[in-house]
Structures are given as structure tokens and as C-alpha cells.
Amino acid sequence: MPEFLILLLPIAAASGWWAAKRSVRKEREKLRNAEIDPAYFRGLNYLVNEQPDKAIDVFVRMLEVNSETVEMHLALGSLFRRRGETDRAIRIHQNLIARPTLSSEQRSQALMELGLDYMNAGLLDRAEALFSELIDNNALINTSLGNLKIIYQHEKDWQKALDVTRRLEEIGEEDQSGDRSHFLCELADIALQEGRDEDAKNYLKEAGETAPEAMRPLLTQATLSLQQQDYTTALRLYQRVAETHPAFIGEFVNQMAECHRATGQEQAWLEWLKALYQRRRSLYVMLAIADEIEHSEDGDEAIRFLNDELAANPSLLGVQRLIRMRLTQQGSGKTTFLETLDALVQSMTDTQSAYQCHRCGFTTRTLHWQCPGCRTWGTMLPTSENNGRYSE
């Protein structure tokens, strides 16, 4: 028996050597298979030499052979989109989606990228269809809903934007109450244009309940009441806005004056303005006081008031109002100097911005509820020194 075991030792050693050699050969084969396909280098060379069409052809042909390169194709398509070459990005992502070997996760990511391509190209209906498909498949729901919200705002489909925003809140996204309030106000504006006043009131009521501190629902309700000659209600709403958002009083101070005069409360109006001005030095309140003094008392007193206030807080709009009061006093004896000065100040005020987005810095002369620059709601604020306004 021991002799038999001794005879088996060389066989065992040879078997071990053969097995080890076979294992090493397999590992080498794996390494060779894992090497980067030379075609990738050809594709990269085309990119470097600004031949993107040929590069795309190379990468797409490689995809047919090796589906493990999906991530690289997604990145390449995204790169083309960021460079503004949307057609090439669409071509890559469409080829990806057509591959039956993609996993569900890879296909969802390719659908998302293609939807972004379509958005970038302005093909919003196609983008909407892809994002809706992702939501139906319970894939990338948050991102898809966010993109649909952008699309519906661009299309001014405020009801769909409102529905999507509500769903975003339901799945735990950050507070969307500000945006929802604006969407409801947009629906109210449309209802008013179509003569559906009751629908508009319901939308505005819900908007106010959605964002109790928001200015827009109150301001729209006040405007609606003024149009209906319900001066008491309009005045109450305007005063509420003035107390909570005094920086915006320039938007509705003339409407407040109209309400007071329609109800015979000119003196109460002047007293209210002076009390507000004592609390907050607002340029538009100052101008309204000067107008009311000129209207109820005399021009000389209004001019003295403006002179005193402008000496402490100079502003172009204040100077312009002072010049025009002087011109009114002179009547037919207007001087060329004052008229020239008035035209000069007018040209200066025409080039200045009245509102600025506190998020992106976009400036404009009129109030926009949605910033035209960054498309964010409720970020436009009155300028101070840019338009000669007092700091609030």
C-alpha cells in the first residue's frame, strides 16, 4: 500500500501543474476580453478631430456588440445636449432605447435622457409622453414630475401644472405651496378674461388659503372688487397688501386713491398716507402724499413738501414730479429750460429697472410674477437705488 501511494505522487504533481496552468490561461483570457475595444480609440480620435458623426457611428456599432457600454453612450449623449448638438444627442439615445438587451434601469435612464433632449429641442409633446411613460412605469418619478411641471408651465397649462405640483408634494418633495398659489392665480386670470367671475373668486380663495402670506391673491381680489365698483372691499384688500408688502405699494397706490375719492374719503386717505410714511419711507407714498396735497390744498404746499423730502432723499422720480408741478404752475408761460430738464429726466428713468430677481439678478421695468430669467415664481422685488426708491 505505501508503495502504491508513492507511485501516485508524480501523477498528483503533474495534475496540479496542469490545473494551475489552465487556471492562469483562463485568467489571461478574461483580461484580454476585458481590454478596451480598439474601436473606442477610433471613436475618440474622431471626436478629437471634430468628426462627431463618424464617432457616433463607431459608438453605435460597438453598442450592437457590447451592451456593457451603455453608461458611456448615455454620457456621450448628455455631452452633445449640453453642447447644443441636440440632434446628435437624440440619435444616440434613440439607438440606446432600441436595444433589447438593456436592463429596465438602463432603459429608464435612456428614456429620461431622450426626454431631456426633446425638451431642449422644443419638442414638448414628445418629452411629455416619455416622462409620463416613466411615471406609469414607477421609474424616476420625482425627476419626471419635475420636468412635466416645467413643460406645463411653458405651455401655460396651469391646471396640469397644478396637478403635477400637488403630486410632487404627495411624494414628499419640498413645499410647493408658493407655486400652487401662483398657478391658481393664473387660472383665476383666465377665468376673469372669459367672464367667469365666480370661478375666478374660487380660484383666488384657494390661492389665498394655499399661501396665506402671498400678495398676488389679495391684489387680484382687490382689482376684481375695484372693477365691480365694490370700493370698500377693494380698499380693505389694498390696505392689507400695503401693510404686509409695503415695498410693492407703487403697483396699487393709484387704485387706492381712486377708491378713497369714489367714497369721498380724501382726507382719510391723506392721513393714512402720512401715517404709513412715518413708519416706512417709501418713494411712492411720498409721491402720493404730494399729489393729494396738490389736489386738496394747493400746488405751492405740495412743492414745498417735495423739496423738503428730496433734500433728504433724492430720487429721479421725485425730481421729475417736482419739475412737472412747476410746469403746471407756470401754465402757458412754461420755460424751455424746465421742459428740456423734464425730457432729460424722463429719458433717464426710462432706462432704469424697477424690479430685480433676488435669485438670478434679472431686471425689468414691470412686475412679473414669474422671473423671465430663471423662471422662478415670486422672486421679483422692487429695486431701491436703481430706480431712486427708498430702501424698505
Protein backbone atom coordinates (compact mmCIF):
# COMPACT_ATOMS: atom_id res chain seq x y z
CA MET A 1 0.00 0.00 0.00
CA PRO A 2 2.71 2.60 0.82
CA GLU A 3 4.49 1.74 -2.45
CA PHE A 4 1.23 2.43 -4.35
CA LEU A 5 0.90 5.87 -2.75
CA ILE A 6 4.47 6.71 -3.64
CA LEU A 7 3.77 5.84 -7.30
CA LEU A 8 0.77 8.26 -7.30
CA LEU A 9 2.81 11.27 -6.15
CA PRO A 10 4.21 12.16 -9.64
CA ILE A 11 0.71 11.88 -11.13
CA ALA A 12 -0.71 14.19 -8.47
CA ALA A 13 2.07 16.71 -9.04
CA ALA A 14 1.50 16.67 -12.80
CA SER A 15 -2.25 17.09 -12.33
CA GLY A 16 -1.70 20.08 -10.05
CA TRP A 17 0.66 21.70 -12.56
CA TRP A 18 -1.83 21.18 -15.40
CA ALA A 19 -4.72 22.60 -13.36
CA ALA A 20 -2.69 25.64 -12.34
CA LYS A 21 -1.64 26.28 -15.94
CA ARG A 22 -5.25 26.04 -17.09
CA SER A 23 -6.37 28.49 -14.41
CA VAL A 24 -3.73 31.02 -15.44
CA ARG A 25 -4.77 30.65 -19.08
CA LYS A 26 -8.40 31.38 -18.16
CA GLU A 27 -7.43 34.49 -16.19
CA ARG A 28 -5.39 35.75 -19.15
CA GLU A 29 -8.35 35.19 -21.44
CA LYS A 30 -10.58 37.18 -19.06
CA LEU A 31 -8.09 40.03 -19.02
CA ARG A 32 -7.89 40.03 -22.80
CA ASN A 33 -11.70 40.10 -23.03
CA ALA A 34 -11.83 42.99 -20.54
CA GLU A 35 -9.46 45.14 -22.58
CA ILE A 36 -10.96 48.21 -24.20
CA ASP A 37 -12.06 47.61 -27.75
CA PRO A 38 -9.74 49.44 -30.20
CA ALA A 39 -12.86 50.85 -31.82
CA TYR A 40 -13.25 53.14 -28.80
CA PHE A 41 -9.95 54.76 -29.60
CA ARG A 42 -11.05 55.26 -33.18
CA GLY A 43 -14.23 56.91 -31.91
CA LEU A 44 -12.32 59.16 -29.54
CA ASN A 45 -9.95 60.08 -32.36
CA TYR A 46 -12.93 61.17 -34.46
CA LEU A 47 -14.16 63.34 -31.57
CA VAL A 48 -10.76 64.97 -31.13
CA ASN A 49 -10.63 65.71 -34.86
CA GLU A 50 -14.12 67.25 -34.74
CA GLN A 51 -15.79 64.43 -36.67
CA PRO A 52 -18.67 63.71 -34.28
CA ASP A 53 -20.86 61.98 -36.88
CA LYS A 54 -18.21 59.31 -37.52
CA ALA A 55 -17.66 58.99 -33.77
CA ILE A 56 -21.35 58.35 -33.22
CA ASP A 57 -21.35 55.66 -35.91
CA VAL A 58 -18.42 53.91 -34.20
CA PHE A 59 -20.01 54.00 -30.75
CA VAL A 60 -23.39 52.83 -32.02
CA ARG A 61 -21.79 49.87 -33.86
CA MET A 62 -19.95 48.93 -30.69
CA LEU A 63 -23.18 49.00 -28.75
CA GLU A 64 -24.59 46.32 -31.00
CA VAL A 65 -21.74 44.06 -29.91
CA ASN A 66 -21.34 45.05 -26.26
CA SER A 67 -24.25 46.35 -24.20
CA GLU A 68 -21.90 46.99 -21.26
CA THR A 69 -21.04 50.36 -22.82
CA VAL A 70 -24.47 51.85 -22.12
CA GLU A 71 -23.24 54.28 -19.47
CA MET A 72 -20.64 55.69 -21.84
CA HIS A 73 -23.29 56.24 -24.51
CA LEU A 74 -25.58 57.98 -22.01
CA ALA A 75 -22.73 60.27 -21.02
CA LEU A 76 -21.87 60.97 -24.66
CA GLY A 77 -25.46 61.90 -25.49
CA SER A 78 -25.66 64.16 -22.46
CA LEU A 79 -22.44 65.85 -23.56
CA PHE A 80 -23.84 66.55 -27.03
CA ARG A 81 -27.01 68.01 -25.50
CA ARG A 82 -25.05 70.36 -23.25
CA ARG A 83 -23.05 71.50 -26.26
CA GLY A 84 -26.28 72.33 -28.07
CA GLU A 85 -25.98 69.43 -30.55
CA THR A 86 -29.43 68.13 -29.69
CA ASP A 87 -29.93 66.16 -32.92
CA ARG A 88 -26.88 64.02 -32.19
CA ALA A 89 -27.95 63.51 -28.59
CA ILE A 90 -31.39 62.34 -29.76
CA ARG A 91 -29.81 59.95 -32.25
CA ILE A 92 -27.64 58.31 -29.58
CA HIS A 93 -30.44 57.97 -27.04
CA GLN A 94 -32.91 56.64 -29.60
CA ASN A 95 -30.41 53.94 -30.58
CA LEU A 96 -29.96 53.03 -26.95
CA ILE A 97 -33.68 52.62 -26.33
CA ALA A 98 -33.96 50.36 -29.40
CA ARG A 99 -31.57 47.79 -27.87
CA PRO A 100 -33.45 44.78 -26.42
CA THR A 101 -30.53 43.91 -24.13
CA LEU A 102 -30.94 46.98 -21.89
CA SER A 103 -31.95 46.41 -18.30
CA SER A 104 -35.09 48.16 -17.08
CA GLU A 105 -32.97 50.65 -15.13
CA GLN A 106 -30.81 51.43 -18.18
CA ARG A 107 -33.87 51.83 -20.39
CA SER A 108 -35.47 54.22 -17.88
CA GLN A 109 -32.32 56.33 -17.79
CA ALA A 110 -32.18 56.39 -21.60
CA LEU A 111 -35.85 57.46 -21.74
CA MET A 112 -35.12 60.26 -19.27
CA GLU A 113 -32.18 61.48 -21.33
CA LEU A 114 -34.19 61.36 -24.55
CA GLY A 115 -36.99 63.32 -22.85
CA LEU A 116 -34.46 65.98 -21.86
CA ASP A 117 -33.22 66.05 -25.46
CA TYR A 118 -36.76 66.66 -26.69
CA MET A 119 -37.27 69.42 -24.10
CA ASN A 120 -34.07 71.08 -25.24
CA ALA A 121 -35.23 70.86 -28.85
CA GLY A 122 -38.65 72.31 -28.04
CA LEU A 123 -40.47 69.05 -28.82
CA LEU A 124 -42.50 69.29 -25.65
CA ASP A 125 -45.26 66.86 -26.65
CA ARG A 126 -42.71 64.08 -27.19
CA ALA A 127 -40.93 64.91 -23.95
CA GLU A 128 -44.24 64.87 -22.09
CA ALA A 129 -45.05 61.41 -23.47
CA LEU A 130 -41.71 59.98 -22.33
CA PHE A 131 -41.91 61.45 -18.82
CA SER A 132 -45.48 60.19 -18.50
CA GLU A 133 -44.32 56.72 -19.56
CA LEU A 134 -41.63 56.76 -16.87
CA ILE A 135 -44.20 57.74 -14.23
CA ASP A 136 -46.54 54.96 -15.38
CA ASN A 137 -43.61 52.53 -15.00
CA ASN A 138 -42.82 53.87 -11.49
CA ALA A 139 -39.35 54.89 -12.67
CA LEU A 140 -37.60 58.18 -11.88
CA ILE A 141 -40.93 59.60 -10.70
CA ASN A 142 -39.66 62.71 -8.91
CA THR A 143 -37.49 63.87 -11.79
CA SER A 144 -40.18 63.09 -14.36
CA LEU A 145 -42.82 65.04 -12.43
CA GLY A 146 -40.43 67.97 -12.08
CA ASN A 147 -39.84 68.01 -15.83
CA LEU A 148 -43.56 67.79 -16.54
CA LYS A 149 -44.08 70.76 -14.25
CA ILE A 150 -41.61 72.76 -16.37
CA ILE A 151 -43.32 71.68 -19.60
CA TYR A 152 -46.82 72.57 -18.42
CA GLN A 153 -45.66 76.00 -17.27
CA HIS A 154 -44.07 76.62 -20.65
CA GLU A 155 -47.32 75.58 -22.35
CA LYS A 156 -49.33 77.65 -19.84
CA ASP A 157 -51.41 74.59 -18.99
CA TRP A 158 -51.92 75.75 -15.42
CA GLN A 159 -54.36 73.01 -14.38
CA LYS A 160 -51.89 70.27 -15.31
CA ALA A 161 -49.06 72.20 -13.66
CA LEU A 162 -51.19 72.44 -10.53
CA ASP A 163 -51.96 68.69 -10.58
CA VAL A 164 -48.30 67.76 -11.01
CA THR A 165 -47.27 70.11 -8.20
CA ARG A 166 -49.79 68.53 -5.86
CA ARG A 167 -48.44 65.08 -6.70
CA LEU A 168 -44.86 66.25 -6.03
CA GLU A 169 -45.93 67.31 -2.56
CA GLU A 170 -47.68 63.97 -2.01
CA ILE A 171 -44.48 62.03 -2.68
CA GLY A 172 -42.50 64.15 -0.25
CA GLU A 173 -40.95 66.88 -2.37
CA GLU A 174 -40.25 70.27 -0.76
CA ASP A 175 -43.07 72.71 -0.08
CA GLN A 176 -44.76 73.73 -3.34
CA SER A 177 -47.43 76.00 -1.85
CA GLY A 178 -45.99 79.17 -3.38
CA ASP A 179 -46.04 77.73 -6.89
CA ARG A 180 -49.51 76.24 -6.39
CA SER A 181 -50.82 79.64 -5.32
CA HIS A 182 -49.45 81.25 -8.49
CA PHE A 183 -50.94 78.52 -10.70
CA LEU A 184 -54.34 79.12 -9.09
CA CYS A 185 -53.96 82.84 -9.72
CA GLU A 186 -53.14 82.15 -13.37
CA LEU A 187 -56.34 80.11 -13.61
CA ALA A 188 -58.19 82.99 -11.96
CA ASP A 189 -56.80 85.45 -14.52
CA ILE A 190 -58.01 83.24 -17.35
CA ALA A 191 -61.45 82.95 -15.75
CA LEU A 192 -61.66 86.75 -15.43
CA GLN A 193 -60.73 87.19 -19.10
CA GLU A 194 -63.51 84.78 -20.03
CA GLY A 195 -66.06 86.50 -17.79
CA ARG A 196 -66.26 83.66 -15.25
CA ASP A 197 -66.04 85.86 -12.16
CA GLU A 198 -67.32 83.24 -9.71
CA ASP A 199 -64.75 80.70 -10.87
CA ALA A 200 -62.09 83.37 -10.52
CA LYS A 201 -63.16 84.12 -6.94
CA ASN A 202 -62.99 80.42 -6.05
CA TYR A 203 -59.51 80.10 -7.52
CA LEU A 204 -58.35 83.20 -5.64
CA LYS A 205 -59.84 81.97 -2.39
CA GLU A 206 -57.98 78.67 -2.73
CA ALA A 207 -54.79 80.52 -3.69
CA GLY A 208 -55.03 82.63 -0.53
CA GLU A 209 -55.62 79.55 1.62
CA THR A 210 -52.70 77.77 -0.05
CA ALA A 211 -50.24 80.61 0.65
CA PRO A 212 -51.74 82.93 3.32
CA GLU A 213 -48.81 85.37 3.16
CA ALA A 214 -48.86 85.68 -0.63
CA MET A 215 -49.52 89.11 -2.13
CA ARG A 216 -50.85 88.10 -5.53
CA PRO A 217 -54.22 86.57 -4.50
CA LEU A 218 -55.05 89.64 -2.39
CA LEU A 219 -54.01 92.06 -5.11
CA THR A 220 -56.05 90.25 -7.76
CA GLN A 221 -59.08 90.11 -5.48
CA ALA A 222 -58.74 93.85 -4.83
CA THR A 223 -58.53 94.59 -8.55
CA LEU A 224 -61.62 92.46 -9.19
CA SER A 225 -63.55 94.31 -6.45
CA LEU A 226 -62.46 97.65 -7.92
CA GLN A 227 -63.69 96.61 -11.37
CA GLN A 228 -67.02 95.70 -9.81
CA GLN A 229 -67.07 99.12 -8.07
CA ASP A 230 -67.02 97.48 -4.66
CA TYR A 231 -64.72 100.20 -3.37
CA THR A 232 -64.99 99.29 0.31
CA THR A 233 -63.83 95.71 -0.24
CA ALA A 234 -61.15 96.77 -2.69
CA LEU A 235 -59.81 99.35 -0.26
CA ARG A 236 -59.71 96.85 2.61
CA LEU A 237 -57.72 94.39 0.47
CA TYR A 238 -55.35 97.06 -0.86
CA GLN A 239 -54.65 98.25 2.69
CA ARG A 240 -53.91 94.70 3.76
CA VAL A 241 -51.39 94.32 0.93
CA ALA A 242 -49.86 97.69 1.81
CA GLU A 243 -49.35 96.59 5.39
CA THR A 244 -47.85 93.19 4.55
CA HIS A 245 -45.94 94.09 1.36
CA PRO A 246 -45.19 97.82 1.57
CA ALA A 247 -42.34 97.63 -0.96
CA PHE A 248 -44.90 96.97 -3.71
CA ILE A 249 -47.22 99.89 -2.95
CA GLY A 250 -46.23 101.59 -6.19
CA GLU A 251 -48.23 98.90 -8.01
CA PHE A 252 -51.57 99.91 -6.48
CA VAL A 253 -51.28 103.31 -4.80
CA ASN A 254 -53.24 104.99 -7.61
CA GLN A 255 -56.03 102.40 -7.27
CA MET A 256 -56.20 103.12 -3.54
CA ALA A 257 -56.55 106.82 -4.28
CA GLU A 258 -59.39 106.01 -6.71
CA CYS A 259 -61.23 104.03 -4.01
CA HIS A 260 -60.94 106.86 -1.47
CA ARG A 261 -62.12 109.50 -3.91
CA ALA A 262 -65.02 107.34 -5.06
CA THR A 263 -66.18 107.04 -1.44
CA GLY A 264 -65.46 110.68 -0.53
CA GLN A 265 -62.62 109.83 1.87
CA GLU A 266 -59.89 112.12 0.53
CA GLN A 267 -58.89 113.46 3.94
CA ALA A 268 -58.77 109.98 5.46
CA TRP A 269 -56.61 108.92 2.51
CA LEU A 270 -54.11 111.70 3.14
CA GLU A 271 -53.93 110.91 6.83
CA TRP A 272 -53.44 107.21 6.12
CA LEU A 273 -50.62 108.00 3.69
CA LYS A 274 -48.85 110.25 6.18
CA ALA A 275 -49.11 107.62 8.93
CA LEU A 276 -47.71 104.96 6.60
CA TYR A 277 -44.92 107.31 5.50
CA GLN A 278 -43.88 107.84 9.09
CA ARG A 279 -43.47 104.10 9.53
CA ARG A 280 -41.81 103.40 6.17
CA ARG A 281 -40.09 105.94 3.97
CA SER A 282 -41.44 104.86 0.60
CA LEU A 283 -40.90 106.94 -2.53
CA TYR A 284 -44.33 106.12 -3.94
CA VAL A 285 -46.05 107.01 -0.70
CA MET A 286 -44.19 110.32 -0.74
CA LEU A 287 -45.34 111.00 -4.30
CA ALA A 288 -48.91 110.05 -3.41
CA ILE A 289 -48.84 112.49 -0.48
CA ALA A 290 -47.59 115.26 -2.77
CA ASP A 291 -50.35 114.51 -5.29
CA GLU A 292 -53.00 114.55 -2.60
CA ILE A 293 -51.72 117.82 -1.15
CA GLU A 294 -51.75 119.36 -4.63
CA HIS A 295 -55.27 118.05 -5.22
CA SER A 296 -56.81 119.05 -1.86
CA GLU A 297 -54.77 122.09 -0.84
CA ASP A 298 -52.51 123.93 -3.27
CA GLY A 299 -49.54 123.39 -5.52
CA ASP A 300 -47.14 125.54 -3.50
CA GLU A 301 -47.59 123.37 -0.42
CA ALA A 302 -47.05 120.21 -2.46
CA ILE A 303 -43.88 121.67 -3.98
CA ARG A 304 -42.55 122.64 -0.52
CA PHE A 305 -43.24 119.12 0.72
CA LEU A 306 -41.38 117.58 -2.21
CA ASN A 307 -38.46 119.98 -1.85
CA ASP A 308 -38.01 119.07 1.80
CA GLU A 309 -38.24 115.32 1.22
CA LEU A 310 -35.99 115.29 -1.86
CA ALA A 311 -33.32 117.27 0.02
CA ALA A 312 -33.08 114.35 2.46
CA ASN A 313 -33.72 111.51 -0.04
CA PRO A 314 -33.01 112.50 -3.66
CA SER A 315 -34.62 110.44 -6.44
CA LEU A 316 -35.15 110.84 -10.16
CA LEU A 317 -38.88 110.14 -9.99
CA GLY A 318 -39.24 112.69 -7.21
CA VAL A 319 -37.33 115.30 -9.20
CA GLN A 320 -39.47 114.56 -12.24
CA ARG A 321 -42.67 115.04 -10.23
CA LEU A 322 -41.33 118.33 -8.86
CA ILE A 323 -40.49 119.58 -12.35
CA ARG A 324 -43.96 118.74 -13.64
CA MET A 325 -45.60 120.50 -10.69
CA ARG A 326 -43.56 123.58 -11.59
CA LEU A 327 -44.62 123.28 -15.21
CA THR A 328 -48.28 123.03 -14.15
CA GLN A 329 -47.91 126.19 -12.08
CA GLN A 330 -46.39 128.09 -14.98
CA GLY A 331 -49.24 127.16 -17.32
CA SER A 332 -48.86 128.82 -20.69
CA GLY A 333 -45.67 130.54 -19.51
CA LYS A 334 -43.65 127.33 -19.43
CA THR A 335 -39.91 127.77 -19.74
CA THR A 336 -37.88 125.86 -22.29
CA PHE A 337 -35.35 125.02 -19.58
CA LEU A 338 -37.87 123.12 -17.43
CA GLU A 339 -39.30 121.28 -20.42
CA THR A 340 -35.80 120.23 -21.51
CA LEU A 341 -34.98 119.14 -17.99
CA ASP A 342 -38.21 117.13 -17.81
CA ALA A 343 -37.36 115.35 -21.06
CA LEU A 344 -33.85 114.59 -19.80
CA VAL A 345 -35.09 113.09 -16.53
CA GLN A 346 -37.71 111.08 -18.43
CA SER A 347 -35.02 109.58 -20.67
CA MET A 348 -33.03 108.61 -17.58
CA THR A 349 -35.96 106.95 -15.80
CA ASP A 350 -36.93 105.09 -18.97
CA THR A 351 -33.64 103.19 -18.93
CA GLN A 352 -33.79 102.15 -15.28
CA SER A 353 -35.17 98.91 -13.90
CA ALA A 354 -37.94 98.86 -11.34
CA TYR A 355 -37.73 95.19 -10.34
CA GLN A 356 -34.95 92.68 -9.87
CA CYS A 357 -35.00 88.92 -9.25
CA HIS A 358 -33.30 88.19 -5.95
CA ARG A 359 -32.36 84.74 -7.23
CA CYS A 360 -30.74 85.32 -10.64
CA GLY A 361 -30.46 89.13 -10.79
CA PHE A 362 -32.70 89.58 -13.86
CA THR A 363 -34.02 93.16 -14.05
CA THR A 364 -37.17 94.55 -15.65
CA ARG A 365 -39.28 97.69 -15.64
CA THR A 366 -42.55 95.91 -14.90
CA LEU A 367 -43.57 93.39 -12.26
CA HIS A 368 -43.51 89.75 -13.39
CA TRP A 369 -44.88 87.11 -11.06
CA GLN A 370 -42.52 84.60 -12.66
CA CYS A 371 -38.96 85.74 -13.31
CA PRO A 372 -38.33 85.75 -17.09
CA GLY A 373 -34.70 84.81 -16.40
CA CYS A 374 -34.70 81.82 -14.05
CA ARG A 375 -38.45 81.04 -14.36
CA THR A 376 -38.89 81.07 -10.57
CA TRP A 377 -42.13 82.33 -9.05
CA GLY A 378 -42.35 85.23 -6.63
CA THR A 379 -38.70 86.29 -6.74
CA MET A 380 -39.07 89.75 -8.33
CA LEU A 381 -38.59 92.56 -5.82
CA PRO A 382 -38.66 96.35 -6.25
CA THR A 383 -35.24 97.90 -6.67
CA SER A 384 -34.17 100.67 -4.35
CA GLU A 385 -31.20 102.74 -5.54
CA ASN A 386 -31.55 101.50 -9.14
CA ASN A 387 -34.83 103.30 -9.54
CA GLY A 388 -34.41 106.02 -6.96
CA ARG A 389 -36.63 104.18 -4.47
CA TYR A 390 -36.09 104.35 -0.75
CA SER A 391 -34.88 101.19 0.94
CA GLU A 392 -37.74 99.46 2.65
